[in-house]
Protein backbone atom coordinates (compact mmCIF):
# COMPACT_ATOMS: atom_id res chain seq x y z
CA UNK A 1 1.48 -13.26 10.22
CA UNK A 2 1.72 -9.62 8.29
CA UNK A 3 -0.51 -9.07 5.37
CA UNK A 4 2.88 -8.49 2.28
CA UNK A 5 2.31 -4.56 1.67
CA UNK A 6 1.20 -3.64 -1.76
CA UNK A 7 3.74 -2.80 -5.01
CA UNK A 8 2.95 0.05 -4.49
CA UNK A 9 2.62 1.98 -8.90
CA UNK A 10 3.21 4.83 -11.04
CA UNK A 11 1.67 6.05 -14.02
CA UNK A 12 2.74 7.75 -16.52
CA UNK A 13 -0.08 7.48 -18.97
CA UNK A 14 -0.46 10.92 -21.77
CA UNK A 15 -4.51 9.33 -22.16
CA UNK A 16 -6.70 10.51 -18.65
CA UNK A 17 -9.40 7.03 -20.03
CA UNK A 18 -7.31 5.07 -20.06
CA UNK A 19 -5.15 6.04 -17.22
CA UNK A 20 -7.83 5.79 -14.89
CA UNK A 21 -9.69 2.59 -16.07
CA UNK A 22 -5.81 1.05 -15.86
CA UNK A 23 -5.69 2.18 -12.43
CA UNK A 24 -8.55 1.48 -11.64
CA UNK A 25 -8.43 -1.60 -12.81
CA UNK A 26 -5.04 -2.11 -10.83
CA UNK A 27 -7.02 -1.34 -7.54
CA UNK A 28 -9.24 -4.55 -7.65
CA UNK A 29 -5.38 -6.00 -6.31
CA UNK A 30 -5.35 -6.14 -2.57
CA UNK A 31 -1.63 -6.63 -4.15
CA UNK A 32 -1.40 -4.03 -5.89
CA UNK A 33 -1.50 0.20 -4.92
CA UNK A 34 -1.75 3.23 -7.88
CA UNK A 35 0.06 6.24 -5.87
CA UNK A 36 0.37 8.34 -8.29
CA UNK A 37 -0.50 9.23 -11.84
CA UNK A 38 0.55 11.80 -14.38
CA UNK A 39 -0.31 12.74 -17.70
CA UNK A 40 3.33 14.10 -18.87
CA UNK A 41 7.19 13.88 -17.30
CA UNK A 42 6.62 17.44 -16.66
CA UNK A 43 4.07 15.79 -14.14
CA UNK A 44 5.73 12.63 -13.10
CA UNK A 45 8.09 14.52 -12.89
CA UNK A 46 7.94 16.95 -10.69
CA UNK A 47 6.03 13.66 -8.92
CA UNK A 48 9.71 11.69 -8.66
CA UNK A 49 11.52 15.62 -7.57
CA UNK A 50 8.71 16.65 -5.06
CA UNK A 51 9.89 13.85 -2.79
CA UNK A 52 7.53 11.22 -4.01
CA UNK A 53 5.63 9.85 -0.31
CA UNK A 54 6.47 6.44 -1.43
CA UNK A 55 8.37 4.72 -2.05
CA UNK A 56 8.09 2.71 -5.69
CA UNK A 57 8.13 -1.10 -6.79
CA UNK A 58 7.12 -0.47 -10.32
CA UNK A 59 6.52 2.53 -12.50
CA UNK A 60 4.50 1.75 -15.54
CA UNK A 61 5.32 4.60 -18.50
CA UNK A 62 3.59 5.00 -21.96
CA UNK A 63 6.63 5.72 -24.38
CA UNK A 64 4.13 8.77 -26.41
CA UNK A 65 3.67 11.77 -24.31
CA UNK A 66 2.44 14.80 -24.84
CA UNK A 67 5.95 16.35 -23.71
CA UNK A 68 8.71 13.82 -25.04
CA UNK A 69 9.41 10.54 -25.09
CA UNK A 70 9.06 7.65 -21.69
CA UNK A 71 12.15 6.23 -21.56
CA UNK A 72 13.60 9.81 -21.02
CA UNK A 73 11.87 8.30 -17.06
CA UNK A 74 14.17 5.49 -16.75
CA UNK A 75 17.40 6.99 -15.22
CA UNK A 76 14.62 9.54 -13.44
CA UNK A 77 13.33 7.25 -11.87
CA UNK A 78 16.35 4.47 -10.74
CA UNK A 79 17.63 7.03 -9.22
CA UNK A 80 14.22 8.01 -7.85
CA UNK A 81 13.04 5.23 -5.98
CA UNK A 82 16.39 1.96 -6.78
CA UNK A 83 15.36 -1.25 -7.63
CA UNK A 84 11.86 0.19 -9.14
CA UNK A 85 11.01 -1.83 -11.94
CA UNK A 86 10.05 -0.21 -15.53
CA UNK A 87 6.64 -1.07 -18.07
CA UNK A 88 6.64 0.44 -20.94
CA UNK A 89 2.89 0.63 -21.56
CA UNK A 90 2.35 1.63 -25.61
CA UNK A 91 0.28 1.72 -28.92
CA UNK A 92 3.69 1.78 -31.40
CA UNK A 93 5.40 0.22 -30.08
CA UNK A 94 7.30 -2.19 -32.82
CA UNK A 95 9.19 -5.30 -32.64
CA UNK A 96 11.57 -4.39 -33.66
CA UNK A 97 12.01 -2.01 -31.15
CA UNK A 98 11.61 -4.24 -28.30
CA UNK A 99 14.86 -4.92 -27.42
CA UNK A 100 15.77 -1.21 -27.91
CA UNK A 101 13.56 -1.11 -24.77
CA UNK A 102 15.09 -3.28 -23.43
CA UNK A 103 18.89 -2.18 -23.31
CA UNK A 104 17.60 1.28 -22.51
CA UNK A 105 16.41 0.78 -19.28
CA UNK A 106 12.93 -0.67 -19.32
CA UNK A 107 12.40 -4.11 -17.54
CA UNK A 108 9.35 -5.19 -19.23
CA UNK A 109 7.42 -4.20 -22.94
CA UNK A 110 3.52 -4.14 -23.44
CA UNK A 111 1.05 -3.32 -25.49
CA UNK A 112 -1.73 -1.42 -24.43
CA UNK A 113 -4.19 -4.91 -26.75
CA UNK A 114 -3.11 -6.76 -23.99
CA UNK A 115 -5.46 -8.13 -21.35
CA UNK A 116 -5.89 -6.17 -18.68
CA UNK A 117 -5.07 -9.79 -16.80
CA UNK A 118 -2.06 -10.21 -18.65
CA UNK A 119 -0.90 -6.52 -17.61
CA UNK A 120 -1.40 -6.85 -14.38
CA UNK A 121 0.00 -9.66 -14.04
CA UNK A 122 3.23 -8.24 -15.18
CA UNK A 123 2.60 -6.23 -12.58
CA UNK A 124 2.65 -8.26 -10.38
CA UNK A 125 5.70 -11.13 -11.69
CA UNK A 126 7.77 -8.06 -11.37
CA UNK A 127 7.20 -7.07 -7.97
CA UNK A 128 7.34 -10.53 -6.83
CA UNK A 129 3.89 -11.64 -5.28
């Protein structure tokens, strides 16, 4: 029996320490592989336009990026990776905006204060593992 391929994840987060810590946390799960990290819309767009070597299954996107709103990436990610799931992970989510984010194309919305286990489980659930 062959092993299930790991979920390919993109992290878009401007706080490098948080992004790297999250990538390290996720790397401890054999079902998840962080294949690209970006600190801005520009870096994320460059990775997408550059023809990522890996198909992405999940994108974890912060809303408050230095060069714009992370939701600008939703459609671009889906054009490049049909079937991708988008998780919004932000510290500035107001309760009334969650429905707006879901309508804009997010599959899940999490606050950065969620436990690492909750973030990992949401990624696994969206990826079907």
